[in-house]
PDB file of N, CA and C in Angstrom:
ATOM      1  N   MET A   1     105.124  93.754  97.922  1.00  0.00           N
ATOM      2  CA  MET A   1     104.085  94.627  98.426  1.00  0.00           C
ATOM      3  C   MET A   1     102.824  93.826  98.777  1.00  0.00           C
ATOM      4  N   MET A   2     102.570  92.784  97.973  1.00  0.00           N
ATOM      5  CA  MET A   2     101.398  91.968  98.204  1.00  0.00           C
ATOM      6  C   MET A   2     101.502  91.210  99.526  1.00  0.00           C
ATOM      7  N   SER A   3     102.679  90.733  99.882  1.00  0.00           N
ATOM      8  CA  SER A   3     102.823  90.003 101.133  1.00  0.00           C
ATOM      9  C   SER A   3     102.678  90.928 102.335  1.00  0.00           C
ATOM     10  N   LEU A   4     103.027  92.195 102.224  1.00  0.00           N
ATOM     11  CA  LEU A   4     102.849  93.160 103.307  1.00  0.00           C
ATOM     12  C   LEU A   4     101.365  93.404 103.566  1.00  0.00           C
ATOM     13  N   LYS A   5     100.588  93.528 102.493  1.00  0.00           N
ATOM     14  CA  LYS A   5      99.143  93.701 102.634  1.00  0.00           C
ATOM     15  C   LYS A   5      98.512  92.456 103.244  1.00  0.00           C
ATOM     16  N   THR A   6      98.946  91.300 102.819  1.00  0.00           N
ATOM     17  CA  THR A   6      98.415  90.050 103.353  1.00  0.00           C
ATOM     18  C   THR A   6      98.754  89.902 104.827  1.00  0.00           C
ATOM     19  N   THR A   7      99.974  90.232 105.204  1.00  0.00           N
ATOM     20  CA  THR A   7     100.401  90.158 106.601  1.00  0.00           C
ATOM     21  C   THR A   7      99.607  91.136 107.452  1.00  0.00           C
ATOM     22  N   LEU A   8      99.406  92.345 106.959  1.00  0.00           N
ATOM     23  CA  LEU A   8      98.636  93.356 107.686  1.00  0.00           C
ATOM     24  C   LEU A   8      97.189  92.903 107.855  1.00  0.00           C
ATOM     25  N   PHE A   9      96.603  92.349 106.793  1.00  0.00           N
ATOM     26  CA  PHE A   9      95.234  91.855 106.855  1.00  0.00           C
ATOM     27  C   PHE A   9      95.094  90.718 107.869  1.00  0.00           C
ATOM     28  N   LEU A  10      96.001  89.780 107.852  1.00  0.00           N
ATOM     29  CA  LEU A  10      95.959  88.663 108.795  1.00  0.00           C
ATOM     30  C   LEU A  10      96.144  89.133 110.232  1.00  0.00           C
ATOM     31  N   THR A  11      97.012  90.116 110.441  1.00  0.00           N
ATOM     32  CA  THR A  11      97.227  90.665 111.783  1.00  0.00           C
ATOM     33  C   THR A  11      95.955  91.325 112.300  1.00  0.00           C
ATOM     34  N   LEU A  12      95.294  92.120 111.459  1.00  0.00           N
ATOM     35  CA  LEU A  12      94.043  92.764 111.862  1.00  0.00           C
ATOM     36  C   LEU A  12      92.955  91.733 112.146  1.00  0.00           C
ATOM     37  N   ALA A  13      92.871  90.702 111.323  1.00  0.00           N
ATOM     38  CA  ALA A  13      91.871  89.658 111.541  1.00  0.00           C
ATOM     39  C   ALA A  13      92.098  88.935 112.861  1.00  0.00           C
ATOM     40  N   MET A  14      93.346  88.667 113.196  1.00  0.00           N
ATOM     41  CA  MET A  14      93.662  88.000 114.465  1.00  0.00           C
ATOM     42  C   MET A  14      93.334  88.896 115.651  1.00  0.00           C
ATOM     43  N   LEU A  15      93.620  90.182 115.531  1.00  0.00           N
ATOM     44  CA  LEU A  15      93.291  91.116 116.617  1.00  0.00           C
ATOM     45  C   LEU A  15      91.784  91.211 116.833  1.00  0.00           C
ATOM     46  N   MET A  16      91.022  91.221 115.756  1.00  0.00           N
ATOM     47  CA  MET A  16      89.559  91.277 115.885  1.00  0.00           C
ATOM     48  C   MET A  16      89.028  90.000 116.518  1.00  0.00           C
ATOM     49  N   ALA A  17      89.584  88.861 116.116  1.00  0.00           N
ATOM     50  CA  ALA A  17      89.155  87.593 116.705  1.00  0.00           C
ATOM     51  C   ALA A  17      89.484  87.544 118.192  1.00  0.00           C
ATOM     52  N   LEU A  18      90.625  88.076 118.562  1.00  0.00           N
ATOM     53  CA  LEU A  18      91.011  88.119 119.967  1.00  0.00           C
ATOM     54  C   LEU A  18      90.083  89.019 120.760  1.00  0.00           C
ATOM     55  N   ALA A  19      89.713  90.164 120.200  1.00  0.00           N
ATOM     56  CA  ALA A  19      88.807  91.095 120.881  1.00  0.00           C
ATOM     57  C   ALA A  19      87.435  90.477 121.077  1.00  0.00           C
ATOM     58  N   ILE A  20      86.962  89.728 120.097  1.00  0.00           N
ATOM     59  CA  ILE A  20      85.650  89.083 120.208  1.00  0.00           C
ATOM     60  C   ILE A  20      85.685  87.980 121.258  1.00  0.00           C
ATOM     61  N   SER A  21      86.763  87.216 121.315  1.00  0.00           N
ATOM     62  CA  SER A  21      86.834  86.118 122.285  1.00  0.00           C
ATOM     63  C   SER A  21      86.991  86.620 123.711  1.00  0.00           C
ATOM     64  N   VAL A  22      87.531  87.817 123.895  1.00  0.00           N
ATOM     65  CA  VAL A  22      87.718  88.357 125.246  1.00  0.00           C
ATOM     66  C   VAL A  22      86.389  88.774 125.849  1.00  0.00           C
ATOM     67  N   THR A  23      85.473  89.349 125.051  1.00  0.00           N
ATOM     68  CA  THR A  23      84.174  89.773 125.553  1.00  0.00           C
ATOM     69  C   THR A  23      83.200  88.620 125.426  1.00  0.00           C
ATOM     70  N   SER A  24      82.909  87.964 126.520  1.00  0.00           N
ATOM     71  CA  SER A  24      82.011  86.817 126.533  1.00  0.00           C
ATOM     72  C   SER A  24      80.632  87.256 126.980  1.00  0.00           C
ATOM     73  N   ALA A  25      79.602  86.744 126.342  1.00  0.00           N
ATOM     74  CA  ALA A  25      78.226  87.095 126.687  1.00  0.00           C
ATOM     75  C   ALA A  25      77.756  86.359 127.934  1.00  0.00           C
ATOM     76  N   ASP A  26      78.483  85.335 128.362  1.00  0.00           N
ATOM     77  CA  ASP A  26      78.075  84.550 129.518  1.00  0.00           C
ATOM     78  C   ASP A  26      78.400  85.226 130.847  1.00  0.00           C
ATOM     79  N   GLU A  27      79.319  86.155 130.852  1.00  0.00           N
ATOM     80  CA  GLU A  27      79.725  86.792 132.097  1.00  0.00           C
ATOM     81  C   GLU A  27      78.719  87.848 132.516  1.00  0.00           C
ATOM     82  N   GLU A  28      78.446  87.937 133.824  1.00  0.00           N
ATOM     83  CA  GLU A  28      77.555  88.951 134.355  1.00  0.00           C
ATOM     84  C   GLU A  28      78.294  90.281 134.404  1.00  0.00           C
ATOM     85  N   PRO A  29      77.689  91.341 133.866  1.00  0.00           N
ATOM     86  CA  PRO A  29      78.382  92.622 133.880  1.00  0.00           C
ATOM     87  C   PRO A  29      78.553  93.150 135.296  1.00  0.00           C
ATOM     88  N   ILE A  30      79.674  93.789 135.544  1.00  0.00           N
ATOM     89  CA  ILE A  30      79.934  94.378 136.852  1.00  0.00           C
ATOM     90  C   ILE A  30      79.464  95.821 136.799  1.00  0.00           C
ATOM     91  N   ILE A  31      78.424  96.120 137.572  1.00  0.00           N
ATOM     92  CA  ILE A  31      77.829  97.448 137.552  1.00  0.00           C
ATOM     93  C   ILE A  31      77.810  97.984 138.972  1.00  0.00           C
ATOM     94  N   THR A  32      78.258  99.210 139.137  1.00  0.00           N
ATOM     95  CA  THR A  32      78.279  99.819 140.462  1.00  0.00           C
ATOM     96  C   THR A  32      77.336 101.006 140.554  1.00  0.00           C
ATOM     97  N   SER A  33      76.784 101.442 139.432  1.00  0.00           N
ATOM     98  CA  SER A  33      75.884 102.582 139.430  1.00  0.00           C
ATOM     99  C   SER A  33      74.951 102.485 138.236  1.00  0.00           C
ATOM    100  N   LEU A  34      73.745 103.027 138.366  1.00  0.00           N
ATOM    101  CA  LEU A  34      72.814 103.062 137.255  1.00  0.00           C
ATOM    102  C   LEU A  34      73.073 104.258 136.348  1.00  0.00           C
ATOM    103  N   GLN A  35      73.963 105.128 136.751  1.00  0.00           N
ATOM    104  CA  GLN A  35      74.263 106.326 135.985  1.00  0.00           C
ATOM    105  C   GLN A  35      74.912 105.942 134.660  1.00  0.00           C
ATOM    106  N   GLY A  36      74.382 106.423 133.569  1.00  0.00           N
ATOM    107  CA  GLY A  36      74.949 106.156 132.256  1.00  0.00           C
ATOM    108  C   GLY A  36      74.450 104.886 131.601  1.00  0.00           C
ATOM    109  N   ILE A  37      73.511 104.157 132.185  1.00  0.00           N
ATOM    110  CA  ILE A  37      73.008 102.921 131.605  1.00  0.00           C
ATOM    111  C   ILE A  37      72.009 103.206 130.486  1.00  0.00           C
ATOM    112  N   LYS A  38      71.159 104.219 130.627  1.00  0.00           N
ATOM    113  CA  LYS A  38      70.127 104.518 129.641  1.00  0.00           C
ATOM    114  C   LYS A  38      70.754 104.885 128.307  1.00  0.00           C
ATOM    115  N   GLY A  39      70.111 104.445 127.254  1.00  0.00           N
ATOM    116  CA  GLY A  39      70.542 104.813 125.920  1.00  0.00           C
ATOM    117  C   GLY A  39      71.715 104.022 125.386  1.00  0.00           C
ATOM    118  N   ARG A  40      72.194 103.047 126.113  1.00  0.00           N
ATOM    119  CA  ARG A  40      73.333 102.261 125.643  1.00  0.00           C
ATOM    120  C   ARG A  40      72.890 100.906 125.107  1.00  0.00           C
ATOM    121  N   GLY A  41      71.601 100.636 125.056  1.00  0.00           N
ATOM    122  CA  GLY A  41      71.131  99.366 124.545  1.00  0.00           C
ATOM    123  C   GLY A  41      71.304  98.218 125.519  1.00  0.00           C
ATOM    124  N   ILE A  42      71.587  98.518 126.774  1.00  0.00           N
ATOM    125  CA  ILE A  42      71.777  97.489 127.788  1.00  0.00           C
ATOM    126  C   ILE A  42      70.473  97.330 128.562  1.00  0.00           C
ATOM    127  N   VAL A  43      69.975  96.121 128.635  1.00  0.00           N
ATOM    128  CA  VAL A  43      68.760  95.856 129.387  1.00  0.00           C
ATOM    129  C   VAL A  43      69.134  94.911 130.522  1.00  0.00           C
ATOM    130  N   LEU A  44      69.052  95.420 131.738  1.00  0.00           N
ATOM    131  CA  LEU A  44      69.367  94.610 132.908  1.00  0.00           C
ATOM    132  C   LEU A  44      68.106  94.468 133.745  1.00  0.00           C
ATOM    133  N   THR A  45      67.656  93.260 133.943  1.00  0.00           N
ATOM    134  CA  THR A  45      66.490  93.018 134.778  1.00  0.00           C
ATOM    135  C   THR A  45      66.909  92.189 135.976  1.00  0.00           C
ATOM    136  N   CYS A  46      66.215  92.393 137.069  1.00  0.00           N
ATOM    137  CA  CYS A  46      66.623  91.736 138.310  1.00  0.00           C
ATOM    138  C   CYS A  46      66.311  90.243 138.325  1.00  0.00           C
ATOM    139  N   ASP A  47      65.466  89.765 137.422  1.00  0.00           N
ATOM    140  CA  ASP A  47      65.236  88.316 137.381  1.00  0.00           C
ATOM    141  C   ASP A  47      66.487  87.587 136.899  1.00  0.00           C
ATOM    142  N   LYS A  48      67.231  88.212 135.984  1.00  0.00           N
ATOM    143  CA  LYS A  48      68.460  87.608 135.478  1.00  0.00           C
ATOM    144  C   LYS A  48      69.680  88.038 136.291  1.00  0.00           C
ATOM    145  N   TYR A  49      69.689  89.286 136.743  1.00  0.00           N
ATOM    146  CA  TYR A  49      70.798  89.842 137.532  1.00  0.00           C
ATOM    147  C   TYR A  49      70.253  90.385 138.852  1.00  0.00           C
ATOM    148  N   PRO A  50      69.999  89.540 139.850  1.00  0.00           N
ATOM    149  CA  PRO A  50      69.375  89.999 141.101  1.00  0.00           C
ATOM    150  C   PRO A  50      70.195  91.045 141.863  1.00  0.00           C
ATOM    151  N   LYS A  51      71.499  91.074 141.645  1.00  0.00           N
ATOM    152  CA  LYS A  51      72.340  92.041 142.356  1.00  0.00           C
ATOM    153  C   LYS A  51      72.131  93.470 141.858  1.00  0.00           C
ATOM    154  N   ILE A  52      71.446  93.631 140.737  1.00  0.00           N
ATOM    155  CA  ILE A  52      71.204  94.963 140.182  1.00  0.00           C
ATOM    156  C   ILE A  52      70.387  95.806 141.159  1.00  0.00           C
ATOM    157  N   CYS A  53      69.563  95.164 141.982  1.00  0.00           N
ATOM    158  CA  CYS A  53      68.731  95.894 142.940  1.00  0.00           C
ATOM    159  C   CYS A  53      69.529  96.406 144.143  1.00  0.00           C
ATOM    160  N   GLN A  54      70.734  95.914 144.325  1.00  0.00           N
ATOM    161  CA  GLN A  54      71.552  96.300 145.471  1.00  0.00           C
ATOM    162  C   GLN A  54      72.395  97.553 145.215  1.00  0.00           C
ATOM    163  N   ILE A  55      72.495  97.988 143.954  1.00  0.00           N
ATOM    164  CA  ILE A  55      73.394  99.098 143.656  1.00  0.00           C
ATOM    165  C   ILE A  55      72.755 100.444 143.959  1.00  0.00           C
ATOM    166  N   GLU A  56      73.592 101.438 144.115  1.00  0.00           N
ATOM    167  CA  GLU A  56      73.137 102.789 144.419  1.00  0.00           C
ATOM    168  C   GLU A  56      72.288 103.321 143.270  1.00  0.00           C
ATOM    169  N   GLY A  57      71.153 103.930 143.597  1.00  0.00           N
ATOM    170  CA  GLY A  57      70.260 104.481 142.590  1.00  0.00           C
ATOM    171  C   GLY A  57      69.120 103.552 142.223  1.00  0.00           C
ATOM    172  N   SER A  58      69.130 102.340 142.762  1.00  0.00           N
ATOM    173  CA  SER A  58      68.063 101.384 142.486  1.00  0.00           C
ATOM    174  C   SER A  58      66.806 101.792 143.250  1.00  0.00           C
ATOM    175  N   ALA A  59      65.643 101.377 142.737  1.00  0.00           N
ATOM    176  CA  ALA A  59      64.371 101.688 143.401  1.00  0.00           C
ATOM    177  C   ALA A  59      64.214 100.949 144.721  1.00  0.00           C
ATOM    178  N   GLY A  60      64.938  99.870 144.905  1.00  0.00           N
ATOM    179  CA  GLY A  60      64.860  99.106 146.149  1.00  0.00           C
ATOM    180  C   GLY A  60      65.676  97.841 146.056  1.00  0.00           C
ATOM    181  N   PRO A  61      65.884  97.180 147.185  1.00  0.00           N
ATOM    182  CA  PRO A  61      66.750  96.002 147.228  1.00  0.00           C
ATOM    183  C   PRO A  61      66.076  94.682 146.833  1.00  0.00           C
ATOM    184  N   ASP A  62      64.770  94.695 146.607  1.00  0.00           N
ATOM    185  CA  ASP A  62      64.036  93.465 146.330  1.00  0.00           C
ATOM    186  C   ASP A  62      63.581  93.427 144.870  1.00  0.00           C
ATOM    187  N   CYS A  63      63.388  92.234 144.336  1.00  0.00           N
ATOM    188  CA  CYS A  63      62.984  92.051 142.940  1.00  0.00           C
ATOM    189  C   CYS A  63      61.576  91.469 142.881  1.00  0.00           C
ATOM    190  N   CYS A  64      60.666  92.184 142.222  1.00  0.00           N
ATOM    191  CA  CYS A  64      59.297  91.708 142.004  1.00  0.00           C
ATOM    192  C   CYS A  64      58.928  91.933 140.546  1.00  0.00           C
ATOM    193  N   LYS A  65      58.598  90.870 139.848  1.00  0.00           N
ATOM    194  CA  LYS A  65      58.192  90.937 138.440  1.00  0.00           C
ATOM    195  C   LYS A  65      59.170  91.748 137.596  1.00  0.00           C
ATOM    196  N   ASN A  66      60.436  91.422 137.710  1.00  0.00           N
ATOM    197  CA  ASN A  66      61.522  92.043 136.936  1.00  0.00           C
ATOM    198  C   ASN A  66      61.757  93.515 137.266  1.00  0.00           C
ATOM    199  N   LYS A  67      61.271  93.988 138.412  1.00  0.00           N
ATOM    200  CA  LYS A  67      61.493  95.371 138.821  1.00  0.00           C
ATOM    201  C   LYS A  67      62.056  95.404 140.233  1.00  0.00           C
ATOM    202  N   CYS A  68      62.978  96.321 140.458  1.00  0.00           N
ATOM    203  CA  CYS A  68      63.527  96.500 141.802  1.00  0.00           C
ATOM    204  C   CYS A  68      62.541  97.321 142.616  1.00  0.00           C
ATOM    205  N   VAL A  69      62.205  96.843 143.788  1.00  0.00           N
ATOM    206  CA  VAL A  69      61.250  97.515 144.671  1.00  0.00           C
ATOM    207  C   VAL A  69      61.746  97.437 146.108  1.00  0.00           C
ATOM    208  N   ASN A  70      61.135  98.228 146.961  1.00  0.00           N
ATOM    209  CA  ASN A  70      61.412  98.170 148.395  1.00  0.00           C
ATOM    210  C   ASN A  70      60.160  97.619 149.065  1.00  0.00           C
ATOM    211  N   LEU A  71      60.211  96.367 149.511  1.00  0.00           N
ATOM    212  CA  LEU A  71      59.048  95.724 150.113  1.00  0.00           C
ATOM    213  C   LEU A  71      58.607  96.381 151.411  1.00  0.00           C
ATOM    214  N   LEU A  72      59.462  97.191 152.004  1.00  0.00           N
ATOM    215  CA  LEU A  72      59.101  97.866 153.250  1.00  0.00           C
ATOM    216  C   LEU A  72      58.315  99.155 153.019  1.00  0.00           C
ATOM    217  N   MET A  73      58.349  99.693 151.776  1.00  0.00           N
ATOM    218  CA  MET A  73      57.706 100.987 151.522  1.00  0.00           C
ATOM    219  C   MET A  73      56.853 101.046 150.261  1.00  0.00           C
ATOM    220  N   ASP A  74      56.898 100.035 149.404  1.00  0.00           N
ATOM    221  CA  ASP A  74      56.198 100.062 148.117  1.00  0.00           C
ATOM    222  C   ASP A  74      54.730  99.711 148.303  1.00  0.00           C
ATOM    223  N   GLY A  75      53.832 100.618 147.962  1.00  0.00           N
ATOM    224  CA  GLY A  75      52.395 100.413 148.127  1.00  0.00           C
ATOM    225  C   GLY A  75      51.819  99.333 147.231  1.00  0.00           C
ATOM    226  N   PHE A  76      52.540  98.952 146.160  1.00  0.00           N
ATOM    227  CA  PHE A  76      52.082  97.895 145.262  1.00  0.00           C
ATOM    228  C   PHE A  76      52.725  96.552 145.585  1.00  0.00           C
ATOM    229  N   ASN A  77      53.726  96.553 146.437  1.00  0.00           N
ATOM    230  CA  ASN A  77      54.432  95.333 146.863  1.00  0.00           C
ATOM    231  C   ASN A  77      54.771  95.484 148.347  1.00  0.00           C
ATOM    232  N   CYS A  78      53.775  95.550 149.182  1.00  0.00           N
ATOM    233  CA  CYS A  78      53.964  95.849 150.603  1.00  0.00           C
ATOM    234  C   CYS A  78      54.178  94.563 151.407  1.00  0.00           C
ATOM    235  N   GLY A  79      55.412  94.331 151.802  1.00  0.00           N
ATOM    236  CA  GLY A  79      55.738  93.140 152.588  1.00  0.00           C
ATOM    237  C   GLY A  79      56.033  91.923 151.745  1.00  0.00           C
ATOM    238  N   LYS A  80      55.382  91.813 150.578  1.00  0.00           N
ATOM    239  CA  LYS A  80      55.641  90.729 149.632  1.00  0.00           C
ATOM    240  C   LYS A  80      55.232  91.187 148.237  1.00  0.00           C
ATOM    241  N   CYS A  81      55.745  90.517 147.251  1.00  0.00           N
ATOM    242  CA  CYS A  81      55.472  90.887 145.859  1.00  0.00           C
ATOM    243  C   CYS A  81      53.978  90.763 145.552  1.00  0.00           C
ATOM    244  N   GLY A  82      53.424  91.826 144.957  1.00  0.00           N
ATOM    245  CA  GLY A  82      52.034  91.812 144.526  1.00  0.00           C
ATOM    246  C   GLY A  82      51.016  92.216 145.576  1.00  0.00           C
ATOM    247  N   LYS A  83      51.416  92.447 146.820  1.00  0.00           N
ATOM    248  CA  LYS A  83      50.461  92.846 147.860  1.00  0.00           C
ATOM    249  C   LYS A  83      50.262  94.361 147.793  1.00  0.00           C
ATOM    250  N   LYS A  84      49.061  94.776 147.355  1.00  0.00           N
ATOM    251  CA  LYS A  84      48.760  96.193 147.205  1.00  0.00           C
ATOM    252  C   LYS A  84      48.039  96.711 148.439  1.00  0.00           C
ATOM    253  N   CYS A  85      48.397  97.920 148.839  1.00  0.00           N
ATOM    254  CA  CYS A  85      47.679  98.568 149.932  1.00  0.00           C
ATOM    255  C   CYS A  85      46.389  99.155 149.371  1.00  0.00           C
ATOM    256  N   SER A  86      45.329  99.061 150.135  1.00  0.00           N
ATOM    257  CA  SER A  86      44.044  99.584 149.681  1.00  0.00           C
ATOM    258  C   SER A  86      44.042 101.114 149.696  1.00  0.00           C
ATOM    259  N   TYR A  87      43.002 101.679 149.121  1.00  0.00           N
ATOM    260  CA  TYR A  87      42.886 103.132 148.992  1.00  0.00           C
ATOM    261  C   TYR A  87      43.021 103.815 150.366  1.00  0.00           C
ATOM    262  N   GLY A  88      43.844 104.829 150.410  1.00  0.00           N
ATOM    263  CA  GLY A  88      44.034 105.601 151.634  1.00  0.00           C
ATOM    264  C   GLY A  88      45.104 105.056 152.562  1.00  0.00           C
ATOM    265  N   LYS A  89      45.637 103.891 152.247  1.00  0.00           N
ATOM    266  CA  LYS A  89      46.676 103.299 153.096  1.00  0.00           C
ATOM    267  C   LYS A  89      48.035 103.420 152.416  1.00  0.00           C
ATOM    268  N   ILE A  90      49.082 103.431 153.229  1.00  0.00           N
ATOM    269  CA  ILE A  90      50.450 103.480 152.730  1.00  0.00           C
ATOM    270  C   ILE A  90      51.217 102.301 153.320  1.00  0.00           C
ATOM    271  N   CYS A  91      52.339 101.978 152.711  1.00  0.00           N
ATOM    272  CA  CYS A  91      53.154 100.854 153.176  1.00  0.00           C
ATOM    273  C   CYS A  91      54.260 101.373 154.087  1.00  0.00           C
ATOM    274  N   CYS A  92      54.242 100.943 155.328  1.00  0.00           N
ATOM    275  CA  CYS A  92      55.264 101.308 156.314  1.00  0.00           C
ATOM    276  C   CYS A  92      55.773 100.028 156.961  1.00  0.00           C
ATOM    277  N   GLU A  93      57.072  99.825 156.902  1.00  0.00           N
ATOM    278  CA  GLU A  93      57.708  98.651 157.492  1.00  0.00           C
ATOM    279  C   GLU A  93      57.093  97.350 156.982  1.00  0.00           C
ATOM    280  N   GLY A  94      56.671  97.331 155.718  1.00  0.00           N
ATOM    281  CA  GLY A  94      56.112  96.131 155.112  1.00  0.00           C
ATOM    282  C   GLY A  94      54.676  95.839 155.491  1.00  0.00           C
ATOM    283  N   LYS A  95      53.968  96.809 156.079  1.00  0.00           N
ATOM    284  CA  LYS A  95      52.562  96.638 156.458  1.00  0.00           C
ATOM    285  C   LYS A  95      51.752  97.809 155.920  1.00  0.00           C
ATOM    286  N   CYS A  96      50.538  97.524 155.453  1.00  0.00           N
ATOM    287  CA  CYS A  96      49.642  98.580 154.994  1.00  0.00           C
ATOM    288  C   CYS A  96      48.983  99.233 156.208  1.00  0.00           C
ATOM    289  N   VAL A  97      49.143 100.546 156.323  1.00  0.00           N
ATOM    290  CA  VAL A  97      48.579 101.277 157.470  1.00  0.00           C
ATOM    291  C   VAL A  97      47.814 102.503 156.978  1.00  0.00           C
ATOM    292  N   ASN A  98      46.894 102.965 157.804  1.00  0.00           N
ATOM    293  CA  ASN A  98      46.151 104.185 157.510  1.00  0.00           C
ATOM    294  C   ASN A  98      46.874 105.346 158.203  1.00  0.00           C
ATOM    295  N   PRO A  99      47.536 106.214 157.451  1.00  0.00           N
ATOM    296  CA  PRO A  99      48.306 107.294 158.071  1.00  0.00           C
ATOM    297  C   PRO A  99      47.434 108.364 158.721  1.00  0.00           C
ATOM    298  N   ARG A 100      46.121 108.295 158.508  1.00  0.00           N
ATOM    299  CA  ARG A 100      45.220 109.276 159.121  1.00  0.00           C
ATOM    300  C   ARG A 100      44.873 108.905 160.558  1.00  0.00           C
ATOM    301  N   THR A 101      45.063 107.606 160.921  1.00  0.00           N
ATOM    302  CA  THR A 101      44.670 107.168 162.259  1.00  0.00           C
ATOM    303  C   THR A 101      45.731 106.346 162.992  1.00  0.00           C
ATOM    304  N   ASN A 102      46.774 105.903 162.309  1.00  0.00           N
ATOM    305  CA  ASN A 102      47.780 105.036 162.911  1.00  0.00           C
ATOM    306  C   ASN A 102      48.742 105.859 163.773  1.00  0.00           C
ATOM    307  N   GLU A 103      48.824 105.553 165.048  1.00  0.00           N
ATOM    308  CA  GLU A 103      49.623 106.346 165.976  1.00  0.00           C
ATOM    309  C   GLU A 103      51.128 106.098 165.846  1.00  0.00           C
ATOM    310  N   LYS A 104      51.531 105.003 165.201  1.00  0.00           N
ATOM    311  CA  LYS A 104      52.961 104.756 164.961  1.00  0.00           C
ATOM    312  C   LYS A 104      53.424 105.357 163.634  1.00  0.00           C
ATOM    313  N   HIS A 105      52.478 105.605 162.737  1.00  0.00           N
ATOM    314  CA  HIS A 105      52.779 106.156 161.416  1.00  0.00           C
ATOM    315  C   HIS A 105      51.753 107.243 161.099  1.00  0.00           C
ATOM    316  N   CYS A 106      51.705 108.260 161.905  1.00  0.00           N
ATOM    317  CA  CYS A 106      50.703 109.312 161.793  1.00  0.00           C
ATOM    318  C   CYS A 106      51.113 110.333 160.717  1.00  0.00           C
ATOM    319  N   GLY A 107      50.392 110.310 159.592  1.00  0.00           N
ATOM    320  CA  GLY A 107      50.679 111.232 158.500  1.00  0.00           C
ATOM    321  C   GLY A 107      51.754 110.733 157.561  1.00  0.00           C
ATOM    322  N   LYS A 108      52.722 109.997 158.073  1.00  0.00           N
ATOM    323  CA  LYS A 108      53.799 109.422 157.271  1.00  0.00           C
ATOM    324  C   LYS A 108      54.439 108.282 158.056  1.00  0.00           C
ATOM    325  N   CYS A 109      55.227 107.512 157.376  1.00  0.00           N
ATOM    326  CA  CYS A 109      55.895 106.372 158.020  1.00  0.00           C
ATOM    327  C   CYS A 109      56.852 106.847 159.121  1.00  0.00           C
ATOM    328  N   GLY A 110      56.761 106.196 160.267  1.00  0.00           N
ATOM    329  CA  GLY A 110      57.683 106.474 161.363  1.00  0.00           C
ATOM    330  C   GLY A 110      57.346 107.667 162.229  1.00  0.00           C
ATOM    331  N   ASN A 111      56.274 108.387 161.936  1.00  0.00           N
ATOM    332  CA  ASN A 111      55.877 109.550 162.745  1.00  0.00           C
ATOM    333  C   ASN A 111      55.004 109.061 163.902  1.00  0.00           C
ATOM    334  N   LYS A 112      55.635 108.842 165.057  1.00  0.00           N
ATOM    335  CA  LYS A 112      54.941 108.272 166.210  1.00  0.00           C
ATOM    336  C   LYS A 112      54.391 109.379 167.101  1.00  0.00           C
ATOM    337  N   CYS A 113      53.134 109.236 167.472  1.00  0.00           N
ATOM    338  CA  CYS A 113      52.504 110.213 168.373  1.00  0.00           C
ATOM    339  C   CYS A 113      52.942 109.945 169.816  1.00  0.00           C
ATOM    340  N   ASN A 114      52.910 110.979 170.634  1.00  0.00           N
ATOM    341  CA  ASN A 114      53.204 110.852 172.068  1.00  0.00           C
ATOM    342  C   ASN A 114      52.147 109.965 172.729  1.00  0.00           C
ATOM    343  N   PRO A 115      52.489 109.315 173.840  1.00  0.00           N
ATOM    344  CA  PRO A 115      51.522 108.436 174.518  1.00  0.00           C
ATOM    345  C   PRO A 115      50.234 109.147 174.947  1.00  0.00           C
ATOM    346  N   ASP A 116      50.319 110.437 175.216  1.00  0.00           N
ATOM    347  CA  ASP A 116      49.131 111.162 175.674  1.00  0.00           C
ATOM    348  C   ASP A 116      48.330 111.788 174.535  1.00  0.00           C
ATOM    349  N   SER A 117      48.714 111.537 173.279  1.00  0.00           N
ATOM    350  CA  SER A 117      47.973 112.093 172.138  1.00  0.00           C
ATOM    351  C   SER A 117      47.534 110.970 171.210  1.00  0.00           C
ATOM    352  N   SER A 118      46.660 111.319 170.295  1.00  0.00           N
ATOM    353  CA  SER A 118      46.181 110.333 169.324  1.00  0.00           C
ATOM    354  C   SER A 118      46.353 110.891 167.911  1.00  0.00           C
ATOM    355  N   CYS A 119      46.243 110.040 166.938  1.00  0.00           N
ATOM    356  CA  CYS A 119      46.421 110.423 165.532  1.00  0.00           C
ATOM    357  C   CYS A 119      45.039 110.622 164.913  1.00  0.00           C
ATOM    358  N   ILE A 120      44.753 111.842 164.545  1.00  0.00           N
ATOM    359  CA  ILE A 120      43.483 112.188 163.908  1.00  0.00           C
ATOM    360  C   ILE A 120      43.787 112.990 162.641  1.00  0.00           C
ATOM    361  N   TYR A 121      43.232 112.560 161.518  1.00  0.00           N
ATOM    362  CA  TYR A 121      43.467 113.214 160.215  1.00  0.00           C
ATOM    363  C   TYR A 121      44.955 113.297 159.860  1.00  0.00           C
ATOM    364  N   GLY A 122      45.727 112.333 160.312  1.00  0.00           N
ATOM    365  CA  GLY A 122      47.152 112.304 159.997  1.00  0.00           C
ATOM    366  C   GLY A 122      47.997 113.267 160.823  1.00  0.00           C
ATOM    367  N   MET A 123      47.417 113.774 161.923  1.00  0.00           N
ATOM    368  CA  MET A 123      48.162 114.697 162.804  1.00  0.00           C
ATOM    369  C   MET A 123      48.015 114.241 164.246  1.00  0.00           C
ATOM    370  N   CYS A 124      49.117 114.311 164.982  1.00  0.00           N
ATOM    371  CA  CYS A 124      49.082 113.980 166.397  1.00  0.00           C
ATOM    372  C   CYS A 124      48.453 115.151 167.155  1.00  0.00           C
ATOM    373  N   SER A 125      47.552 114.848 168.065  1.00  0.00           N
ATOM    374  CA  SER A 125      46.883 115.870 168.874  1.00  0.00           C
ATOM    375  C   SER A 125      46.240 116.934 167.996  1.00  0.00           C
ATOM    376  N   TYR A 126      45.365 116.519 167.116  1.00  0.00           N
ATOM    377  CA  TYR A 126      44.724 117.441 166.164  1.00  0.00           C
ATOM    378  C   TYR A 126      43.925 118.553 166.856  1.00  0.00           C
ATOM    379  N   ALA A 127      43.122 118.176 167.829  1.00  0.00           N
ATOM    380  CA  ALA A 127      42.248 119.183 168.440  1.00  0.00           C
ATOM    381  C   ALA A 127      42.859 119.845 169.589  1.00  0.00           C
TER     382      ALA A 127
END
């Protein structure tokens, strides 16, 4: 009976050792979605895993100060990391613009006014 317990114990120990050796900490985790990441004790930052910004649900495809951002639309990282748009301006296509007067981005990004109108108070042809 003692040898059966010893054999069972050794078998379990070998299985645990095999399970530990299979999961290596050096490998980059394969992640396809941010869904289900919270609360699992997993911390993924784009400085260590730059591809994390490319997955669906990310804030943007670019990495600035360990955060995924969109350099084309982020008012705190407009066109490059750390470039903030001043008060009243928004980031459109990586440039800080005034949506109240910009005829290519009137009121919001990409809202282009007609050639015969102008952008006033964020509206094309206000008056």
